């Protein structure tokens, strides 16, 4: 999932440099959403590992 966030970020950067504002904005938005989902899933994984070790 982090891979896809990075791909959309690169697409957004390239589209921004070439002047495609709509595509750049959409790609940047998708990259932000995917990155936030990745962070949330990572934090849930860490918390579940902590509770699993204590039990």
PDB file of N, CA and C in Angstrom:
ATOM      1  N   UNK A   1       0.827  -1.183   0.000  1.00  0.00           N
ATOM      2  CA  UNK A   1       0.000   0.000   0.000  1.00  0.00           C
ATOM      3  C   UNK A   1       0.875   1.251   0.000  1.00  0.00           C
ATOM      4  N   UNK A   2       1.948   1.195   0.731  1.00  0.00           N
ATOM      5  CA  UNK A   2       2.868   2.328   0.730  1.00  0.00           C
ATOM      6  C   UNK A   2       3.465   2.527  -0.658  1.00  0.00           C
ATOM      7  N   UNK A   3       3.657   1.432  -1.380  1.00  0.00           N
ATOM      8  CA  UNK A   3       4.170   1.506  -2.748  1.00  0.00           C
ATOM      9  C   UNK A   3       3.223   2.325  -3.625  1.00  0.00           C
ATOM     10  N   UNK A   4       1.925   2.058  -3.508  1.00  0.00           N
ATOM     11  CA  UNK A   4       0.950   2.790  -4.322  1.00  0.00           C
ATOM     12  C   UNK A   4       0.897   4.266  -3.943  1.00  0.00           C
ATOM     13  N   UNK A   5       1.051   4.567  -2.654  1.00  0.00           N
ATOM     14  CA  UNK A   5       1.080   5.960  -2.231  1.00  0.00           C
ATOM     15  C   UNK A   5       2.270   6.683  -2.860  1.00  0.00           C
ATOM     16  N   UNK A   6       3.409   6.015  -2.887  1.00  0.00           N
ATOM     17  CA  UNK A   6       4.599   6.621  -3.491  1.00  0.00           C
ATOM     18  C   UNK A   6       4.449   6.768  -5.002  1.00  0.00           C
ATOM     19  N   UNK A   7       3.797   5.799  -5.652  1.00  0.00           N
ATOM     20  CA  UNK A   7       3.566   5.892  -7.099  1.00  0.00           C
ATOM     21  C   UNK A   7       2.671   7.085  -7.417  1.00  0.00           C
ATOM     22  N   UNK A   8       1.579   7.251  -6.664  1.00  0.00           N
ATOM     23  CA  UNK A   8       0.697   8.381  -6.908  1.00  0.00           C
ATOM     24  C   UNK A   8       1.381   9.704  -6.591  1.00  0.00           C
ATOM     25  N   UNK A   9       2.278   9.719  -5.605  1.00  0.00           N
ATOM     26  CA  UNK A   9       3.028  10.926  -5.299  1.00  0.00           C
ATOM     27  C   UNK A   9       3.942  11.305  -6.453  1.00  0.00           C
ATOM     28  N   UNK A  10       4.617  10.332  -7.032  1.00  0.00           N
ATOM     29  CA  UNK A  10       5.494  10.596  -8.171  1.00  0.00           C
ATOM     30  C   UNK A  10       4.685  11.067  -9.376  1.00  0.00           C
ATOM     31  N   UNK A  11       3.536  10.438  -9.616  1.00  0.00           N
ATOM     32  CA  UNK A  11       2.666  10.872 -10.712  1.00  0.00           C
ATOM     33  C   UNK A  11       2.211  12.309 -10.492  1.00  0.00           C
ATOM     34  N   UNK A  12       1.870  12.650  -9.261  1.00  0.00           N
ATOM     35  CA  UNK A  12       1.445  14.012  -8.951  1.00  0.00           C
ATOM     36  C   UNK A  12       2.575  15.011  -9.183  1.00  0.00           C
ATOM     37  N   UNK A  13       3.780  14.650  -8.797  1.00  0.00           N
ATOM     38  CA  UNK A  13       4.914  15.556  -8.993  1.00  0.00           C
ATOM     39  C   UNK A  13       5.205  15.773 -10.469  1.00  0.00           C
ATOM     40  N   UNK A  14       5.187  14.696 -11.229  1.00  0.00           N
ATOM     41  CA  UNK A  14       5.455  14.817 -12.669  1.00  0.00           C
ATOM     42  C   UNK A  14       4.359  15.619 -13.356  1.00  0.00           C
ATOM     43  N   UNK A  15       3.094  15.344 -13.003  1.00  0.00           N
ATOM     44  CA  UNK A  15       1.983  16.076 -13.607  1.00  0.00           C
ATOM     45  C   UNK A  15       2.030  17.556 -13.216  1.00  0.00           C
ATOM     46  N   UNK A  16       2.433  17.836 -12.005  1.00  0.00           N
ATOM     47  CA  UNK A  16       2.558  19.223 -11.572  1.00  0.00           C
ATOM     48  C   UNK A  16       3.634  19.972 -12.335  1.00  0.00           C
ATOM     49  N   UNK A  17       4.752  19.322 -12.569  1.00  0.00           N
ATOM     50  CA  UNK A  17       5.846  19.948 -13.321  1.00  0.00           C
ATOM     51  C   UNK A  17       5.431  20.206 -14.762  1.00  0.00           C
ATOM     52  N   UNK A  18       4.657  19.279 -15.343  1.00  0.00           N
ATOM     53  CA  UNK A  18       4.241  19.423 -16.727  1.00  0.00           C
ATOM     54  C   UNK A  18       3.024  20.333 -16.895  1.00  0.00           C
ATOM     55  N   UNK A  19       2.419  20.769 -15.809  1.00  0.00           N
ATOM     56  CA  UNK A  19       1.330  21.728 -15.889  1.00  0.00           C
ATOM     57  C   UNK A  19      -0.064  21.135 -15.893  1.00  0.00           C
ATOM     58  N   UNK A  20      -0.201  19.874 -15.590  1.00  0.00           N
ATOM     59  CA  UNK A  20      -1.517  19.252 -15.513  1.00  0.00           C
ATOM     60  C   UNK A  20      -2.023  19.359 -14.079  1.00  0.00           C
ATOM     61  N   UNK A  21      -2.649  20.477 -13.761  1.00  0.00           N
ATOM     62  CA  UNK A  21      -3.057  20.747 -12.377  1.00  0.00           C
ATOM     63  C   UNK A  21      -4.104  19.804 -11.853  1.00  0.00           C
ATOM     64  N   UNK A  22      -5.100  19.457 -12.667  1.00  0.00           N
ATOM     65  CA  UNK A  22      -6.163  18.567 -12.200  1.00  0.00           C
ATOM     66  C   UNK A  22      -5.662  17.180 -11.887  1.00  0.00           C
ATOM     67  N   UNK A  23      -4.834  16.656 -12.766  1.00  0.00           N
ATOM     68  CA  UNK A  23      -4.281  15.317 -12.545  1.00  0.00           C
ATOM     69  C   UNK A  23      -3.339  15.325 -11.344  1.00  0.00           C
ATOM     70  N   UNK A  24      -2.568  16.389 -11.223  1.00  0.00           N
ATOM     71  CA  UNK A  24      -1.638  16.480 -10.091  1.00  0.00           C
ATOM     72  C   UNK A  24      -2.394  16.545  -8.772  1.00  0.00           C
ATOM     73  N   UNK A  25      -3.462  17.323  -8.739  1.00  0.00           N
ATOM     74  CA  UNK A  25      -4.251  17.434  -7.510  1.00  0.00           C
ATOM     75  C   UNK A  25      -4.915  16.132  -7.137  1.00  0.00           C
ATOM     76  N   UNK A  26      -5.466  15.446  -8.137  1.00  0.00           N
ATOM     77  CA  UNK A  26      -6.126  14.171  -7.863  1.00  0.00           C
ATOM     78  C   UNK A  26      -5.123  13.128  -7.392  1.00  0.00           C
ATOM     79  N   UNK A  27      -3.981  13.059  -8.039  1.00  0.00           N
ATOM     80  CA  UNK A  27      -2.958  12.077  -7.648  1.00  0.00           C
ATOM     81  C   UNK A  27      -2.414  12.375  -6.255  1.00  0.00           C
ATOM     82  N   UNK A  28      -2.231  13.640  -5.948  1.00  0.00           N
ATOM     83  CA  UNK A  28      -1.748  14.000  -4.617  1.00  0.00           C
ATOM     84  C   UNK A  28      -2.784  13.640  -3.555  1.00  0.00           C
ATOM     85  N   UNK A  29      -4.050  13.844  -3.855  1.00  0.00           N
ATOM     86  CA  UNK A  29      -5.106  13.479  -2.913  1.00  0.00           C
ATOM     87  C   UNK A  29      -5.152  11.983  -2.660  1.00  0.00           C
ATOM     88  N   UNK A  30      -5.037  11.200  -3.716  1.00  0.00           N
ATOM     89  CA  UNK A  30      -5.027   9.745  -3.569  1.00  0.00           C
ATOM     90  C   UNK A  30      -3.801   9.302  -2.771  1.00  0.00           C
ATOM     91  N   UNK A  31      -2.661   9.919  -3.040  1.00  0.00           N
ATOM     92  CA  UNK A  31      -1.439   9.558  -2.307  1.00  0.00           C
ATOM     93  C   UNK A  31      -1.585   9.869  -0.821  1.00  0.00           C
ATOM     94  N   UNK A  32      -2.206  11.000  -0.491  1.00  0.00           N
ATOM     95  CA  UNK A  32      -2.415  11.344   0.917  1.00  0.00           C
ATOM     96  C   UNK A  32      -3.321  10.332   1.605  1.00  0.00           C
ATOM     97  N   UNK A  33      -4.407   9.975   0.933  1.00  0.00           N
ATOM     98  CA  UNK A  33      -5.353   9.022   1.525  1.00  0.00           C
ATOM     99  C   UNK A  33      -4.686   7.669   1.740  1.00  0.00           C
ATOM    100  N   UNK A  34      -3.963   7.171   0.741  1.00  0.00           N
ATOM    101  CA  UNK A  34      -3.296   5.884   0.883  1.00  0.00           C
ATOM    102  C   UNK A  34      -2.236   5.915   1.976  1.00  0.00           C
ATOM    103  N   UNK A  35      -1.516   7.026   2.099  1.00  0.00           N
ATOM    104  CA  UNK A  35      -0.502   7.132   3.134  1.00  0.00           C
ATOM    105  C   UNK A  35      -1.140   7.127   4.519  1.00  0.00           C
ATOM    106  N   UNK A  36      -2.267   7.826   4.669  1.00  0.00           N
ATOM    107  CA  UNK A  36      -2.944   7.837   5.970  1.00  0.00           C
ATOM    108  C   UNK A  36      -3.493   6.461   6.325  1.00  0.00           C
ATOM    109  N   UNK A  37      -4.028   5.752   5.338  1.00  0.00           N
ATOM    110  CA  UNK A  37      -4.506   4.389   5.593  1.00  0.00           C
ATOM    111  C   UNK A  37      -3.339   3.500   6.008  1.00  0.00           C
ATOM    112  N   UNK A  38      -2.192   3.652   5.348  1.00  0.00           N
ATOM    113  CA  UNK A  38      -1.006   2.878   5.708  1.00  0.00           C
ATOM    114  C   UNK A  38      -0.587   3.165   7.149  1.00  0.00           C
ATOM    115  N   UNK A  39      -0.554   4.427   7.526  1.00  0.00           N
ATOM    116  CA  UNK A  39      -0.149   4.797   8.890  1.00  0.00           C
ATOM    117  C   UNK A  39      -1.119   4.221   9.923  1.00  0.00           C
ATOM    118  N   UNK A  40      -2.413   4.317   9.656  1.00  0.00           N
ATOM    119  CA  UNK A  40      -3.406   3.783  10.596  1.00  0.00           C
ATOM    120  C   UNK A  40      -3.249   2.276  10.748  1.00  0.00           C
ATOM    121  N   UNK A  41      -3.091   1.559   9.641  1.00  0.00           N
ATOM    122  CA  UNK A  41      -2.912   0.112   9.723  1.00  0.00           C
ATOM    123  C   UNK A  41      -1.612  -0.261  10.439  1.00  0.00           C
ATOM    124  N   UNK A  42      -0.571   0.529  10.226  1.00  0.00           N
ATOM    125  CA  UNK A  42       0.697   0.285  10.910  1.00  0.00           C
ATOM    126  C   UNK A  42       0.549   0.479  12.420  1.00  0.00           C
ATOM    127  N   UNK A  43      -0.145   1.523  12.828  1.00  0.00           N
ATOM    128  CA  UNK A  43      -0.342   1.765  14.261  1.00  0.00           C
ATOM    129  C   UNK A  43      -1.208   0.687  14.894  1.00  0.00           C
ATOM    130  N   UNK A  44      -2.238   0.247  14.194  1.00  0.00           N
ATOM    131  CA  UNK A  44      -3.072  -0.838  14.711  1.00  0.00           C
ATOM    132  C   UNK A  44      -2.238  -2.105  14.874  1.00  0.00           C
ATOM    133  N   UNK A  45      -1.362  -2.367  13.932  1.00  0.00           N
ATOM    134  CA  UNK A  45      -0.492  -3.533  14.018  1.00  0.00           C
ATOM    135  C   UNK A  45       0.441  -3.443  15.225  1.00  0.00           C
ATOM    136  N   UNK A  46       1.007  -2.271  15.459  1.00  0.00           N
ATOM    137  CA  UNK A  46       1.896  -2.101  16.614  1.00  0.00           C
ATOM    138  C   UNK A  46       1.161  -2.305  17.930  1.00  0.00           C
ATOM    139  N   UNK A  47      -0.014  -1.729  18.047  1.00  0.00           N
ATOM    140  CA  UNK A  47      -0.782  -1.850  19.290  1.00  0.00           C
ATOM    141  C   UNK A  47      -1.195  -3.298  19.523  1.00  0.00           C
ATOM    142  N   UNK A  48      -1.610  -3.977  18.464  1.00  0.00           N
ATOM    143  CA  UNK A  48      -2.013  -5.375  18.639  1.00  0.00           C
ATOM    144  C   UNK A  48      -0.819  -6.245  19.026  1.00  0.00           C
ATOM    145  N   UNK A  49       0.350  -5.951  18.515  1.00  0.00           N
ATOM    146  CA  UNK A  49       1.550  -6.706  18.901  1.00  0.00           C
ATOM    147  C   UNK A  49       1.888  -6.472  20.371  1.00  0.00           C
ATOM    148  N   UNK A  50       1.713  -5.254  20.854  1.00  0.00           N
ATOM    149  CA  UNK A  50       2.003  -4.969  22.260  1.00  0.00           C
ATOM    150  C   UNK A  50       1.062  -5.730  23.171  1.00  0.00           C
ATOM    151  N   UNK A  51      -0.221  -5.772  22.827  1.00  0.00           N
ATOM    152  CA  UNK A  51      -1.181  -6.501  23.653  1.00  0.00           C
ATOM    153  C   UNK A  51      -0.974  -8.011  23.557  1.00  0.00           C
ATOM    154  N   UNK A  52      -0.523  -8.487  22.436  1.00  0.00           N
ATOM    155  CA  UNK A  52      -0.304  -9.925  22.250  1.00  0.00           C
ATOM    156  C   UNK A  52       0.895 -10.391  23.079  1.00  0.00           C
ATOM    157  N   UNK A  53       1.927  -9.565  23.194  1.00  0.00           N
ATOM    158  CA  UNK A  53       3.114  -9.939  23.966  1.00  0.00           C
ATOM    159  C   UNK A  53       2.821  -9.968  25.462  1.00  0.00           C
ATOM    160  N   UNK A  54       1.970  -9.063  25.936  1.00  0.00           N
ATOM    161  CA  UNK A  54       1.672  -8.995  27.364  1.00  0.00           C
ATOM    162  C   UNK A  54       0.795 -10.139  27.818  1.00  0.00           C
ATOM    163  N   UNK A  55      -0.007 -10.677  26.956  1.00  0.00           N
ATOM    164  CA  UNK A  55      -0.948 -11.748  27.341  1.00  0.00           C
ATOM    165  C   UNK A  55      -0.276 -13.090  27.443  1.00  0.00           C
TER     166      UNK A  55
END
